[in-house]
Amino acid sequence: MATEVEARKGSGVQTAFKVLVTLAAVAVLVQAVTAGQLMSGAAGGAHGMGSTAVHVLGLLQLIAAVLIWRPGRGPGWPALASLVALLLGFVQSAMGGSGVISVHVPLGMALFGLTVWLTVWAWTRRAPAGRPA
């Protein structure tokens, strides 16, 4: 009985991680689109407001990854990668806010790549035998 409850709990956390990492990838993609609009001369605060969504989703993604790792006894590297993505987002936001575009743009590309990589991993990984995916 306890195993069945743990399996349902584990799959709930896995599902939450999948949803959060997907939403984070979409948020980062929206940031790329709004950044392109800014660089082409369009005015608007969507890019600045979108950074809040990236930060909030990054924090929630990190929490879900830690729950997969610690109580769920899953791999720890997604938690580390999620922490790196969250910190990268904060540094990137600070660089953009201070006008250092030569650092802001490459960090944005790195954040996008890391987020897509985590999204692909979350949706394609297989759970070990006897454990939920």
Foldseek 3Di string as FASTA:
>chain_A
DVLVVLQVVLVVLLVQLLVLLVQLLVLLVVLVVVVVCVVVPDDDCPNVVSLVVNLVSLVSNLVSLVCCVPPVVDDNVSNVLSVVLNVLSVVLSVCVVVPVVVSNVVSSVVSNVSSVVSNCCSVPDDDDPSHHD
